Amino acid sequence: MGEDREVVLNGSTIRFVDVVRGLKSEAEKVAKAFAEFKPELLAMSVSKEEIAGLRDYVKEPYEVEMSRYEELYAKNLAKFGDVFLPPPCFLAGLEEADKAGIEVVGIDMDDDTHTAAYCALVTGSELFRHTTRFNLLKLRGFKAETPEQFAKEWDKRVNNLRGFRELEAEREKFMGKELDRLSTGQKARIVAIVDAERAEGVRKALKGTG
């Protein structure tokens, strides 16, 4: 597992916890970051709507339906340990933040913003090609030797069409701007739980670091 990284931004220190969605053991990384860093704010690479959905799940757990892509992802990720949905890393983030009495902010695009970006960047032909390549993805298999490598390899395969790559790049920029907005120095310590495949792009998108 990769080490957490700390970035100084606008007078605040952000501890990044790069996580692999779905892997149960990732919850331990989140708990460790809270115990060591004692954050005053939690940022997670999910939307505000997803935050609400996670809170609904905590109140009344239900069976999460998966798409065929999600089922294939989970099947391959299981090579590295137990898999669970909703992602344990984000559930652990909510639990730790609530225990600490701190605010939780979803820094990813909200539904309307994501839909607008998707429509602007992904062409009809790319959408068709994306939906018809599932069997190819299933047959080729994955060479990753760690969960982080798998998450990045999966992302590279699934989002290899230009429009999808550009959409993910826009998400990274958006999350970087949100972290820049949150790190005003009023909250000296921020934990940022970010998907491993997006984390480096988000860090590169940050302004005012140093």
N, C-alpha and C. Protein backbone atom coordinates (compact mmCIF):
# COMPACT_ATOMS: atom_id res chain seq x y z
N MET A 1 0.83 -1.20 0.00
CA MET A 1 0.00 0.00 0.00
C MET A 1 0.87 1.25 0.00
N GLY A 2 0.45 2.28 -0.75
CA GLY A 2 1.24 3.50 -0.81
C GLY A 2 1.16 4.29 0.48
N GLU A 3 2.20 5.06 0.74
CA GLU A 3 2.23 5.90 1.94
C GLU A 3 1.36 7.14 1.74
N ASP A 4 0.77 7.61 2.84
CA ASP A 4 0.01 8.86 2.78
C ASP A 4 0.96 10.01 2.44
N ARG A 5 0.43 11.03 1.77
CA ARG A 5 1.24 12.18 1.40
C ARG A 5 0.64 13.44 2.00
N GLU A 6 1.51 14.34 2.44
CA GLU A 6 1.05 15.61 3.00
C GLU A 6 1.46 16.75 2.08
N VAL A 7 0.53 17.67 1.87
CA VAL A 7 0.75 18.83 1.01
C VAL A 7 0.34 20.08 1.78
N VAL A 8 1.19 21.10 1.77
CA VAL A 8 0.85 22.38 2.39
C VAL A 8 0.19 23.25 1.33
N LEU A 9 -1.01 23.75 1.63
CA LEU A 9 -1.78 24.51 0.66
C LEU A 9 -2.51 25.64 1.37
N ASN A 10 -2.18 26.87 0.98
CA ASN A 10 -2.86 28.05 1.53
C ASN A 10 -2.84 28.10 3.06
N GLY A 11 -1.79 27.60 3.66
CA GLY A 11 -1.69 27.64 5.11
C GLY A 11 -2.27 26.42 5.81
N SER A 12 -2.90 25.54 5.07
CA SER A 12 -3.41 24.30 5.63
C SER A 12 -2.51 23.14 5.21
N THR A 13 -2.53 22.07 5.99
CA THR A 13 -1.82 20.85 5.61
C THR A 13 -2.85 19.79 5.27
N ILE A 14 -2.73 19.24 4.07
CA ILE A 14 -3.64 18.20 3.61
C ILE A 14 -2.92 16.86 3.63
N ARG A 15 -3.46 15.92 4.36
CA ARG A 15 -2.93 14.56 4.28
C ARG A 15 -3.79 13.77 3.30
N PHE A 16 -3.19 13.37 2.20
CA PHE A 16 -3.88 12.54 1.21
C PHE A 16 -3.82 11.08 1.63
N VAL A 17 -4.96 10.44 1.59
CA VAL A 17 -5.05 9.00 1.78
C VAL A 17 -5.54 8.42 0.46
N ASP A 18 -4.62 7.87 -0.32
CA ASP A 18 -4.97 7.30 -1.62
C ASP A 18 -5.61 5.93 -1.39
N VAL A 19 -6.82 5.74 -1.87
CA VAL A 19 -7.57 4.53 -1.56
C VAL A 19 -8.04 3.81 -2.82
N VAL A 20 -8.32 2.53 -2.64
CA VAL A 20 -8.87 1.69 -3.70
C VAL A 20 -10.31 1.39 -3.34
N ARG A 21 -11.22 1.87 -4.15
CA ARG A 21 -12.65 1.68 -3.87
C ARG A 21 -12.99 0.20 -3.78
N GLY A 22 -13.77 -0.14 -2.75
CA GLY A 22 -14.30 -1.50 -2.64
C GLY A 22 -13.49 -2.44 -1.77
N LEU A 23 -12.20 -2.17 -1.58
CA LEU A 23 -11.35 -3.07 -0.80
C LEU A 23 -11.57 -2.82 0.69
N LYS A 24 -11.99 -3.83 1.42
CA LYS A 24 -12.33 -3.67 2.83
C LYS A 24 -11.17 -3.15 3.65
N SER A 25 -9.97 -3.62 3.37
CA SER A 25 -8.80 -3.26 4.18
C SER A 25 -8.46 -1.78 4.09
N GLU A 26 -8.99 -1.07 3.11
CA GLU A 26 -8.70 0.36 2.98
C GLU A 26 -9.27 1.17 4.15
N ALA A 27 -10.27 0.62 4.81
CA ALA A 27 -10.85 1.31 5.97
C ALA A 27 -9.80 1.51 7.06
N GLU A 28 -8.86 0.58 7.16
CA GLU A 28 -7.80 0.67 8.16
C GLU A 28 -6.89 1.87 7.89
N LYS A 29 -6.64 2.16 6.62
CA LYS A 29 -5.81 3.31 6.27
C LYS A 29 -6.46 4.61 6.71
N VAL A 30 -7.77 4.67 6.56
CA VAL A 30 -8.51 5.87 6.95
C VAL A 30 -8.46 6.05 8.46
N ALA A 31 -8.72 4.98 9.20
CA ALA A 31 -8.70 5.05 10.66
C ALA A 31 -7.31 5.46 11.17
N LYS A 32 -6.28 4.93 10.53
CA LYS A 32 -4.91 5.27 10.92
C LYS A 32 -4.62 6.75 10.68
N ALA A 33 -5.07 7.28 9.56
CA ALA A 33 -4.83 8.69 9.24
C ALA A 33 -5.51 9.60 10.26
N PHE A 34 -6.70 9.24 10.67
CA PHE A 34 -7.41 10.04 11.67
C PHE A 34 -6.68 9.99 13.02
N ALA A 35 -6.23 8.80 13.40
CA ALA A 35 -5.56 8.64 14.70
C ALA A 35 -4.25 9.41 14.74
N GLU A 36 -3.52 9.40 13.63
CA GLU A 36 -2.20 10.04 13.59
C GLU A 36 -2.28 11.54 13.34
N PHE A 37 -3.18 11.95 12.46
CA PHE A 37 -3.19 13.32 11.95
C PHE A 37 -4.18 14.24 12.66
N LYS A 38 -5.24 13.62 13.20
CA LYS A 38 -6.29 14.36 13.91
C LYS A 38 -6.80 15.56 13.09
N PRO A 39 -7.46 15.27 11.98
CA PRO A 39 -7.90 16.34 11.06
C PRO A 39 -9.03 17.18 11.64
N GLU A 40 -9.16 18.37 11.07
CA GLU A 40 -10.26 19.29 11.42
C GLU A 40 -11.33 19.32 10.33
N LEU A 41 -11.04 18.67 9.21
CA LEU A 41 -11.97 18.61 8.09
C LEU A 41 -11.66 17.37 7.28
N LEU A 42 -12.71 16.72 6.77
CA LEU A 42 -12.53 15.56 5.90
C LEU A 42 -13.07 15.88 4.51
N ALA A 43 -12.22 15.67 3.50
CA ALA A 43 -12.63 15.80 2.10
C ALA A 43 -12.55 14.42 1.45
N MET A 44 -13.55 14.07 0.64
CA MET A 44 -13.55 12.76 -0.01
C MET A 44 -13.88 12.92 -1.49
N SER A 45 -13.30 12.06 -2.32
CA SER A 45 -13.47 12.16 -3.76
C SER A 45 -14.79 11.53 -4.21
N VAL A 46 -15.86 12.04 -3.62
CA VAL A 46 -17.22 11.68 -4.01
C VAL A 46 -18.03 12.98 -4.11
N SER A 47 -19.20 12.91 -4.71
CA SER A 47 -20.05 14.08 -4.85
C SER A 47 -20.87 14.30 -3.57
N LYS A 48 -21.49 15.46 -3.49
CA LYS A 48 -22.35 15.73 -2.33
C LYS A 48 -23.54 14.77 -2.32
N GLU A 49 -24.00 14.35 -3.49
CA GLU A 49 -25.10 13.39 -3.55
C GLU A 49 -24.65 12.03 -3.04
N GLU A 50 -23.41 11.66 -3.35
CA GLU A 50 -22.89 10.38 -2.85
C GLU A 50 -22.71 10.41 -1.33
N ILE A 51 -22.32 11.56 -0.79
CA ILE A 51 -22.23 11.70 0.66
C ILE A 51 -23.59 11.42 1.29
N ALA A 52 -24.63 12.00 0.72
CA ALA A 52 -25.98 11.78 1.23
C ALA A 52 -26.38 10.31 1.12
N GLY A 53 -25.99 9.67 0.02
CA GLY A 53 -26.30 8.26 -0.16
C GLY A 53 -25.58 7.38 0.85
N LEU A 54 -24.34 7.71 1.15
CA LEU A 54 -23.58 6.95 2.15
C LEU A 54 -24.22 7.09 3.52
N ARG A 55 -24.67 8.30 3.83
CA ARG A 55 -25.32 8.51 5.14
C ARG A 55 -26.65 7.74 5.22
N ASP A 56 -27.38 7.68 4.12
CA ASP A 56 -28.61 6.90 4.09
C ASP A 56 -28.30 5.42 4.32
N TYR A 57 -27.21 4.95 3.72
CA TYR A 57 -26.84 3.54 3.89
C TYR A 57 -26.49 3.25 5.34
N VAL A 58 -25.76 4.15 5.97
CA VAL A 58 -25.38 3.96 7.37
C VAL A 58 -26.62 3.86 8.26
N LYS A 59 -27.62 4.69 7.97
CA LYS A 59 -28.85 4.69 8.76
C LYS A 59 -29.64 3.40 8.55
N GLU A 60 -29.70 2.94 7.32
CA GLU A 60 -30.48 1.75 6.99
C GLU A 60 -29.80 0.99 5.84
N PRO A 61 -28.89 0.06 6.18
CA PRO A 61 -28.14 -0.67 5.14
C PRO A 61 -29.06 -1.40 4.16
N TYR A 62 -28.65 -1.42 2.91
CA TYR A 62 -29.42 -2.09 1.87
C TYR A 62 -28.45 -2.73 0.90
N GLU A 63 -28.93 -3.63 0.08
CA GLU A 63 -28.08 -4.30 -0.90
C GLU A 63 -27.81 -3.35 -2.07
N VAL A 64 -26.54 -3.18 -2.37
CA VAL A 64 -26.14 -2.27 -3.44
C VAL A 64 -26.10 -3.03 -4.76
N GLU A 65 -26.86 -2.57 -5.74
CA GLU A 65 -26.86 -3.20 -7.05
C GLU A 65 -25.65 -2.71 -7.84
N MET A 66 -25.03 -3.65 -8.56
CA MET A 66 -23.83 -3.31 -9.33
C MET A 66 -24.09 -3.49 -10.82
N SER A 67 -23.46 -2.63 -11.62
CA SER A 67 -23.48 -2.80 -13.07
C SER A 67 -22.54 -3.95 -13.43
N ARG A 68 -22.57 -4.37 -14.67
CA ARG A 68 -21.68 -5.47 -15.05
C ARG A 68 -20.22 -5.04 -15.00
N TYR A 69 -19.93 -3.76 -15.25
CA TYR A 69 -18.56 -3.27 -15.11
C TYR A 69 -18.13 -3.32 -13.65
N GLU A 70 -19.03 -2.93 -12.74
CA GLU A 70 -18.71 -2.96 -11.32
C GLU A 70 -18.51 -4.39 -10.83
N GLU A 71 -19.31 -5.32 -11.36
CA GLU A 71 -19.16 -6.73 -10.98
C GLU A 71 -17.81 -7.28 -11.44
N LEU A 72 -17.39 -6.89 -12.64
CA LEU A 72 -16.10 -7.35 -13.15
C LEU A 72 -14.96 -6.73 -12.34
N TYR A 73 -15.11 -5.45 -12.01
CA TYR A 73 -14.12 -4.76 -11.17
C TYR A 73 -13.98 -5.48 -9.83
N ALA A 74 -15.11 -5.78 -9.19
CA ALA A 74 -15.09 -6.44 -7.89
C ALA A 74 -14.48 -7.83 -7.97
N LYS A 75 -14.78 -8.55 -9.02
CA LYS A 75 -14.25 -9.90 -9.20
C LYS A 75 -12.72 -9.88 -9.29
N ASN A 76 -12.18 -8.91 -10.02
CA ASN A 76 -10.73 -8.82 -10.17
C ASN A 76 -10.06 -8.24 -8.92
N LEU A 77 -10.73 -7.29 -8.27
CA LEU A 77 -10.18 -6.69 -7.06
C LEU A 77 -10.10 -7.71 -5.93
N ALA A 78 -10.99 -8.71 -5.93
CA ALA A 78 -11.04 -9.72 -4.87
C ALA A 78 -9.74 -10.51 -4.77
N LYS A 79 -8.91 -10.44 -5.77
CA LYS A 79 -7.59 -11.07 -5.73
C LYS A 79 -6.76 -10.51 -4.57
N PHE A 80 -7.07 -9.27 -4.16
CA PHE A 80 -6.25 -8.59 -3.16
C PHE A 80 -6.92 -8.54 -1.78
N GLY A 81 -8.09 -9.12 -1.64
CA GLY A 81 -8.76 -9.12 -0.35
C GLY A 81 -10.27 -9.01 -0.49
N ASP A 82 -10.96 -8.97 0.64
CA ASP A 82 -12.42 -8.89 0.63
C ASP A 82 -12.89 -7.58 0.01
N VAL A 83 -13.98 -7.67 -0.73
CA VAL A 83 -14.54 -6.50 -1.43
C VAL A 83 -15.95 -6.24 -0.91
N PHE A 84 -16.29 -4.96 -0.81
CA PHE A 84 -17.60 -4.59 -0.25
C PHE A 84 -18.06 -3.27 -0.86
N LEU A 85 -19.37 -3.15 -1.03
CA LEU A 85 -19.98 -1.89 -1.47
C LEU A 85 -21.10 -1.53 -0.51
N PRO A 86 -21.25 -0.26 -0.17
CA PRO A 86 -20.47 0.92 -0.60
C PRO A 86 -19.01 0.83 -0.16
N PRO A 87 -18.13 1.60 -0.81
CA PRO A 87 -16.70 1.51 -0.53
C PRO A 87 -16.37 1.70 0.95
N PRO A 88 -15.73 0.72 1.58
CA PRO A 88 -15.39 0.82 3.01
C PRO A 88 -14.54 2.04 3.36
N CYS A 89 -13.71 2.50 2.43
CA CYS A 89 -12.86 3.66 2.72
C CYS A 89 -13.71 4.90 3.01
N PHE A 90 -14.79 5.08 2.27
CA PHE A 90 -15.65 6.25 2.47
C PHE A 90 -16.58 6.07 3.67
N LEU A 91 -17.05 4.85 3.87
CA LEU A 91 -17.85 4.59 5.07
C LEU A 91 -17.02 4.83 6.33
N ALA A 92 -15.76 4.40 6.30
CA ALA A 92 -14.87 4.62 7.44
C ALA A 92 -14.60 6.11 7.63
N GLY A 93 -14.50 6.84 6.52
CA GLY A 93 -14.29 8.28 6.62
C GLY A 93 -15.44 8.96 7.34
N LEU A 94 -16.67 8.59 6.97
CA LEU A 94 -17.84 9.16 7.63
C LEU A 94 -17.85 8.82 9.11
N GLU A 95 -17.56 7.57 9.42
CA GLU A 95 -17.57 7.12 10.82
C GLU A 95 -16.54 7.89 11.64
N GLU A 96 -15.32 7.99 11.12
CA GLU A 96 -14.25 8.66 11.86
C GLU A 96 -14.54 10.16 12.01
N ALA A 97 -15.07 10.76 10.94
CA ALA A 97 -15.38 12.19 10.99
C ALA A 97 -16.48 12.48 12.00
N ASP A 98 -17.50 11.63 12.01
CA ASP A 98 -18.60 11.82 12.96
C ASP A 98 -18.11 11.65 14.39
N LYS A 99 -17.23 10.69 14.62
CA LYS A 99 -16.68 10.50 15.96
C LYS A 99 -15.87 11.72 16.39
N ALA A 100 -15.16 12.31 15.43
CA ALA A 100 -14.32 13.47 15.74
C ALA A 100 -15.12 14.78 15.74
N GLY A 101 -16.36 14.73 15.26
CA GLY A 101 -17.19 15.92 15.22
C GLY A 101 -16.75 16.94 14.19
N ILE A 102 -16.24 16.47 13.03
CA ILE A 102 -15.78 17.40 12.01
C ILE A 102 -16.62 17.29 10.75
N GLU A 103 -16.55 18.33 9.92
CA GLU A 103 -17.33 18.39 8.69
C GLU A 103 -16.78 17.44 7.64
N VAL A 104 -17.68 16.88 6.83
CA VAL A 104 -17.31 16.03 5.70
C VAL A 104 -17.76 16.72 4.42
N VAL A 105 -16.85 16.86 3.47
CA VAL A 105 -17.15 17.54 2.21
C VAL A 105 -16.85 16.62 1.03
N GLY A 106 -17.80 16.48 0.13
CA GLY A 106 -17.58 15.76 -1.11
C GLY A 106 -17.00 16.71 -2.14
N ILE A 107 -15.80 16.42 -2.62
CA ILE A 107 -15.10 17.36 -3.50
C ILE A 107 -15.24 17.04 -4.98
N ASP A 108 -15.90 15.93 -5.31
CA ASP A 108 -16.07 15.58 -6.72
C ASP A 108 -17.25 16.37 -7.30
N MET A 109 -17.38 16.32 -8.62
CA MET A 109 -18.46 17.03 -9.30
C MET A 109 -19.82 16.58 -8.79
N ASP A 110 -20.74 17.53 -8.60
CA ASP A 110 -22.11 17.17 -8.29
C ASP A 110 -22.75 16.60 -9.56
N ASP A 111 -23.93 16.04 -9.42
CA ASP A 111 -24.57 15.34 -10.54
C ASP A 111 -24.74 16.23 -11.77
N ASP A 112 -25.22 17.46 -11.57
CA ASP A 112 -25.48 18.36 -12.70
C ASP A 112 -24.18 18.73 -13.41
N THR A 113 -23.13 19.03 -12.63
CA THR A 113 -21.85 19.41 -13.22
C THR A 113 -21.25 18.24 -13.99
N HIS A 114 -21.35 17.04 -13.43
CA HIS A 114 -20.80 15.86 -14.10
C HIS A 114 -21.56 15.57 -15.39
N THR A 115 -22.87 15.69 -15.34
CA THR A 115 -23.67 15.44 -16.55
C THR A 115 -23.32 16.42 -17.66
N ALA A 116 -23.15 17.69 -17.30
CA ALA A 116 -22.80 18.70 -18.30
C ALA A 116 -21.43 18.41 -18.91
N ALA A 117 -20.47 18.03 -18.07
CA ALA A 117 -19.12 17.72 -18.56
C ALA A 117 -19.14 16.48 -19.44
N TYR A 118 -19.91 15.50 -19.04
CA TYR A 118 -20.02 14.25 -19.81
C TYR A 118 -20.58 14.54 -21.21
N CYS A 119 -21.66 15.30 -21.25
CA CYS A 119 -22.29 15.61 -22.54
C CYS A 119 -21.38 16.43 -23.44
N ALA A 120 -20.55 17.28 -22.82
CA ALA A 120 -19.66 18.15 -23.60
C ALA A 120 -18.45 17.39 -24.13
N LEU A 121 -18.01 16.35 -23.44
CA LEU A 121 -16.72 15.72 -23.77
C LEU A 121 -16.84 14.35 -24.43
N VAL A 122 -17.86 13.59 -24.10
CA VAL A 122 -17.99 12.22 -24.61
C VAL A 122 -18.93 12.21 -25.82
N THR A 123 -18.41 11.76 -26.94
CA THR A 123 -19.21 11.71 -28.16
C THR A 123 -20.10 10.47 -28.18
N GLY A 124 -21.09 10.49 -29.05
CA GLY A 124 -21.97 9.34 -29.18
C GLY A 124 -21.23 8.09 -29.61
N SER A 125 -20.27 8.24 -30.53
CA SER A 125 -19.51 7.07 -31.00
C SER A 125 -18.64 6.50 -29.88
N GLU A 126 -18.09 7.39 -29.04
CA GLU A 126 -17.28 6.92 -27.91
C GLU A 126 -18.14 6.18 -26.89
N LEU A 127 -19.33 6.68 -26.66
CA LEU A 127 -20.24 6.01 -25.74
C LEU A 127 -20.59 4.62 -26.25
N PHE A 128 -20.84 4.50 -27.55
CA PHE A 128 -21.16 3.20 -28.14
C PHE A 128 -19.97 2.25 -28.02
N ARG A 129 -18.78 2.74 -28.34
CA ARG A 129 -17.59 1.89 -28.25
C ARG A 129 -17.32 1.46 -26.82
N HIS A 130 -17.60 2.37 -25.89
CA HIS A 130 -17.37 2.06 -24.47
C HIS A 130 -18.30 0.94 -23.99
N THR A 131 -19.55 0.99 -24.42
CA THR A 131 -20.52 0.01 -23.96
C THR A 131 -20.36 -1.36 -24.64
N THR A 132 -19.64 -1.40 -25.77
CA THR A 132 -19.50 -2.66 -26.49
C THR A 132 -18.17 -3.36 -26.25
N ARG A 133 -17.30 -2.80 -25.42
CA ARG A 133 -15.98 -3.39 -25.22
C ARG A 133 -15.87 -4.18 -23.92
N PHE A 134 -17.01 -4.42 -23.28
CA PHE A 134 -17.00 -5.14 -22.01
C PHE A 134 -16.37 -6.52 -22.15
N ASN A 135 -16.77 -7.26 -23.17
CA ASN A 135 -16.25 -8.62 -23.34
C ASN A 135 -14.75 -8.63 -23.56
N LEU A 136 -14.23 -7.65 -24.27
CA LEU A 136 -12.79 -7.55 -24.49
C LEU A 136 -12.08 -7.30 -23.17
N LEU A 137 -12.64 -6.43 -22.36
CA LEU A 137 -12.08 -6.13 -21.06
C LEU A 137 -12.09 -7.40 -20.20
N LYS A 138 -13.14 -8.16 -20.29
CA LYS A 138 -13.28 -9.39 -19.51
C LYS A 138 -12.27 -10.45 -19.92
N LEU A 139 -11.98 -10.55 -21.20
CA LEU A 139 -11.11 -11.61 -21.71
C LEU A 139 -9.62 -11.33 -21.47
N ARG A 140 -9.22 -10.09 -21.49
CA ARG A 140 -7.80 -9.77 -21.44
C ARG A 140 -7.16 -9.99 -20.07
N GLY A 141 -7.91 -9.84 -19.00
CA GLY A 141 -7.34 -10.00 -17.67
C GLY A 141 -6.45 -8.82 -17.29
N PHE A 142 -5.88 -8.90 -16.08
CA PHE A 142 -5.09 -7.79 -15.54
C PHE A 142 -3.77 -8.32 -14.97
N LYS A 143 -2.72 -7.53 -15.12
CA LYS A 143 -1.39 -7.93 -14.69
C LYS A 143 -0.98 -7.33 -13.34
N ALA A 144 -1.80 -6.49 -12.77
CA ALA A 144 -1.46 -5.77 -11.55
C ALA A 144 -1.08 -6.71 -10.41
N GLU A 145 -0.08 -6.27 -9.61
CA GLU A 145 0.38 -7.06 -8.47
C GLU A 145 0.00 -6.43 -7.14
N THR A 146 -0.57 -5.23 -7.17
CA THR A 146 -1.05 -4.57 -5.95
C THR A 146 -2.43 -3.98 -6.23
N PRO A 147 -3.21 -3.69 -5.19
CA PRO A 147 -4.52 -3.07 -5.42
C PRO A 147 -4.42 -1.74 -6.15
N GLU A 148 -3.42 -0.91 -5.78
CA GLU A 148 -3.26 0.39 -6.44
C GLU A 148 -2.95 0.22 -7.92
N GLN A 149 -2.10 -0.73 -8.24
CA GLN A 149 -1.78 -0.99 -9.64
C GLN A 149 -3.02 -1.44 -10.39
N PHE A 150 -3.82 -2.27 -9.75
CA PHE A 150 -5.05 -2.74 -10.41
C PHE A 150 -6.00 -1.57 -10.67
N ALA A 151 -6.19 -0.71 -9.66
CA ALA A 151 -7.11 0.43 -9.82
C ALA A 151 -6.68 1.31 -10.99
N LYS A 152 -5.38 1.52 -11.11
CA LYS A 152 -4.87 2.37 -12.20
C LYS A 152 -4.95 1.65 -13.54
N GLU A 153 -4.70 0.35 -13.55
CA GLU A 153 -4.78 -0.41 -14.80
C GLU A 153 -6.23 -0.47 -15.27
N TRP A 154 -7.14 -0.70 -14.33
CA TRP A 154 -8.56 -0.71 -14.66
C TRP A 154 -8.99 0.64 -15.24
N ASP A 155 -8.60 1.71 -14.58
CA ASP A 155 -8.95 3.06 -15.04
C ASP A 155 -8.42 3.31 -16.44
N LYS A 156 -7.21 2.90 -16.69
CA LYS A 156 -6.59 3.12 -18.01
C LYS A 156 -7.35 2.36 -19.09
N ARG A 157 -7.80 1.17 -18.79
CA ARG A 157 -8.53 0.37 -19.77
C ARG A 157 -9.94 0.90 -20.00
N VAL A 158 -10.64 1.22 -18.92
CA VAL A 158 -12.04 1.63 -19.02
C VAL A 158 -12.17 3.03 -19.61
N ASN A 159 -11.22 3.90 -19.29
CA ASN A 159 -11.30 5.30 -19.73
C ASN A 159 -10.27 5.63 -20.81
N ASN A 160 -10.01 4.67 -21.70
CA ASN A 160 -8.95 4.90 -22.69
C ASN A 160 -9.43 5.69 -23.91
N LEU A 161 -10.72 5.89 -24.05
CA LEU A 161 -11.21 6.72 -25.15
C LEU A 161 -11.03 8.20 -24.78
N ARG A 162 -10.76 9.02 -25.78
CA ARG A 162 -10.39 10.41 -25.54
C ARG A 162 -11.38 11.17 -24.66
N GLY A 163 -12.67 11.07 -24.99
CA GLY A 163 -13.67 11.81 -24.23
C GLY A 163 -13.70 11.41 -22.77
N PHE A 164 -13.55 10.13 -22.50
CA PHE A 164 -13.56 9.65 -21.13
C PHE A 164 -12.30 10.08 -20.39
N ARG A 165 -11.16 10.08 -21.08
CA ARG A 165 -9.91 10.57 -20.46
C ARG A 165 -10.05 12.04 -20.09
N GLU A 166 -10.61 12.81 -21.00
CA GLU A 166 -10.77 14.25 -20.74
C GLU A 166 -11.75 14.49 -19.60
N LEU A 167 -12.77 13.66 -19.51
CA LEU A 167 -13.74 13.80 -18.42
C LEU A 167 -13.06 13.55 -17.06
N GLU A 168 -12.23 12.51 -16.99
CA GLU A 168 -11.53 12.22 -15.74
C GLU A 168 -10.54 13.33 -15.39
N ALA A 169 -9.91 13.91 -16.41
CA ALA A 169 -8.99 15.03 -16.17
C ALA A 169 -9.75 16.24 -15.62
N GLU A 170 -10.96 16.47 -16.12
CA GLU A 170 -11.78 17.57 -15.61
C GLU A 170 -12.20 17.31 -14.17
N ARG A 171 -12.47 16.06 -13.85
CA ARG A 171 -12.80 15.72 -12.46
C ARG A 171 -11.61 16.03 -11.54
N GLU A 172 -10.43 15.69 -11.98
CA GLU A 172 -9.24 15.95 -11.17
C GLU A 172 -9.05 17.45 -10.94
N LYS A 173 -9.23 18.23 -11.99
CA LYS A 173 -9.12 19.69 -11.86
C LYS A 173 -10.17 20.22 -10.91
N PHE A 174 -11.38 19.71 -11.02
CA PHE A 174 -12.47 20.15 -10.17
C PHE A 174 -12.15 19.87 -8.70
N MET A 175 -11.66 18.66 -8.42
CA MET A 175 -11.34 18.30 -7.04
C MET A 175 -10.17 19.12 -6.51
N GLY A 176 -9.21 19.42 -7.38
CA GLY A 176 -8.11 20.28 -6.96
C GLY A 176 -8.59 21.66 -6.57
N LYS A 177 -9.52 22.21 -7.36
CA LYS A 177 -10.08 23.54 -7.04
C LYS A 177 -10.86 23.51 -5.73
N GLU A 178 -11.57 22.42 -5.49
CA GLU A 178 -12.34 22.31 -4.25
C GLU A 178 -11.41 22.26 -3.04
N LEU A 179 -10.32 21.52 -3.16
CA LEU A 179 -9.36 21.47 -2.05
C LEU A 179 -8.71 22.83 -1.85
N ASP A 180 -8.45 23.53 -2.93
CA ASP A 180 -7.89 24.87 -2.83
C ASP A 180 -8.86 25.79 -2.09
N ARG A 181 -10.14 25.65 -2.38
CA ARG A 181 -11.17 26.47 -1.72
C ARG A 181 -11.28 26.14 -0.23
N LEU A 182 -11.17 24.87 0.10
CA LEU A 182 -11.32 24.44 1.48
C LEU A 182 -10.12 24.77 2.35
N SER A 183 -8.95 24.82 1.74
CA SER A 183 -7.72 25.00 2.53
C SER A 183 -7.38 26.49 2.64
N THR A 184 -8.13 27.19 3.45
CA THR A 184 -7.92 28.63 3.61
C THR A 184 -7.08 28.95 4.82
N GLY A 185 -6.64 27.93 5.53
CA GLY A 185 -5.89 28.16 6.76
C GLY A 185 -6.78 28.13 7.98
N GLN A 186 -8.10 28.27 7.78
CA GLN A 186 -9.02 28.20 8.91
C GLN A 186 -9.09 26.78 9.47
N LYS A 187 -8.92 25.81 8.59
CA LYS A 187 -8.81 24.41 8.99
C LYS A 187 -7.37 23.99 8.74
N ALA A 188 -6.59 23.90 9.81
CA ALA A 188 -5.15 23.67 9.66
C ALA A 188 -4.82 22.27 9.15
N ARG A 189 -5.68 21.30 9.47
CA ARG A 189 -5.38 19.91 9.10
C ARG A 189 -6.59 19.30 8.39
N ILE A 190 -6.35 18.87 7.17
CA ILE A 190 -7.41 18.28 6.34
C ILE A 190 -6.97 16.90 5.89
N VAL A 191 -7.82 15.91 6.06
CA VAL A 191 -7.59 14.60 5.46
C VAL A 191 -8.39 14.54 4.16
N ALA A 192 -7.73 14.12 3.08
CA ALA A 192 -8.38 13.98 1.78
C ALA A 192 -8.31 12.52 1.35
N ILE A 193 -9.46 11.87 1.35
CA ILE A 193 -9.54 10.48 0.90
C ILE A 193 -9.87 10.51 -0.58
N VAL A 194 -8.90 10.08 -1.40
CA VAL A 194 -9.03 10.22 -2.86
C VAL A 194 -8.72 8.90 -3.54
N ASP A 195 -9.50 8.54 -4.55
CA ASP A 195 -9.25 7.32 -5.32
C ASP A 195 -7.82 7.30 -5.85
N ALA A 196 -7.17 6.16 -5.72
CA ALA A 196 -5.76 6.03 -6.09
C ALA A 196 -5.50 6.45 -7.54
N GLU A 197 -6.43 6.14 -8.43
CA GLU A 197 -6.23 6.45 -9.84
C GLU A 197 -6.40 7.92 -10.16
N ARG A 198 -7.00 8.69 -9.26
CA ARG A 198 -7.21 10.12 -9.47
C ARG A 198 -6.29 10.97 -8.62
N ALA A 199 -5.68 10.40 -7.60
CA ALA A 199 -4.98 11.18 -6.58
C ALA A 199 -3.82 12.02 -7.14
N GLU A 200 -3.00 11.44 -7.99
CA GLU A 200 -1.86 12.19 -8.50
C GLU A 200 -2.32 13.36 -9.36
N GLY A 201 -3.35 13.14 -10.15
CA GLY A 201 -3.90 14.23 -10.96
C GLY A 201 -4.48 15.34 -10.12
N VAL A 202 -5.12 14.97 -9.00
CA VAL A 202 -5.67 15.98 -8.10
C VAL A 202 -4.54 16.79 -7.48
N ARG A 203 -3.50 16.11 -7.04
CA ARG A 203 -2.35 16.84 -6.43
C ARG A 203 -1.71 17.78 -7.45
N LYS A 204 -1.62 17.36 -8.69
CA LYS A 204 -1.03 18.23 -9.71
C LYS A 204 -1.92 19.44 -9.99
N ALA A 205 -3.22 19.29 -9.74
CA ALA A 205 -4.16 20.39 -10.01
C ALA A 205 -4.19 21.43 -8.91
N LEU A 206 -3.57 21.15 -7.77
CA LEU A 206 -3.58 22.09 -6.65
C LEU A 206 -2.83 23.36 -6.99
N LYS A 207 -3.31 24.47 -6.49
CA LYS A 207 -2.65 25.76 -6.65
C LYS A 207 -2.14 26.21 -5.29
N GLY A 208 -1.14 27.06 -5.29
CA GLY A 208 -0.67 27.68 -4.06
C GLY A 208 0.01 26.75 -3.09
N THR A 209 0.57 25.62 -3.57
CA THR A 209 1.25 24.69 -2.69
C THR A 209 2.65 25.20 -2.37
N GLY A 210 3.14 24.73 -1.23
CA GLY A 210 4.50 25.08 -0.88
C GLY A 210 4.66 25.32 0.59
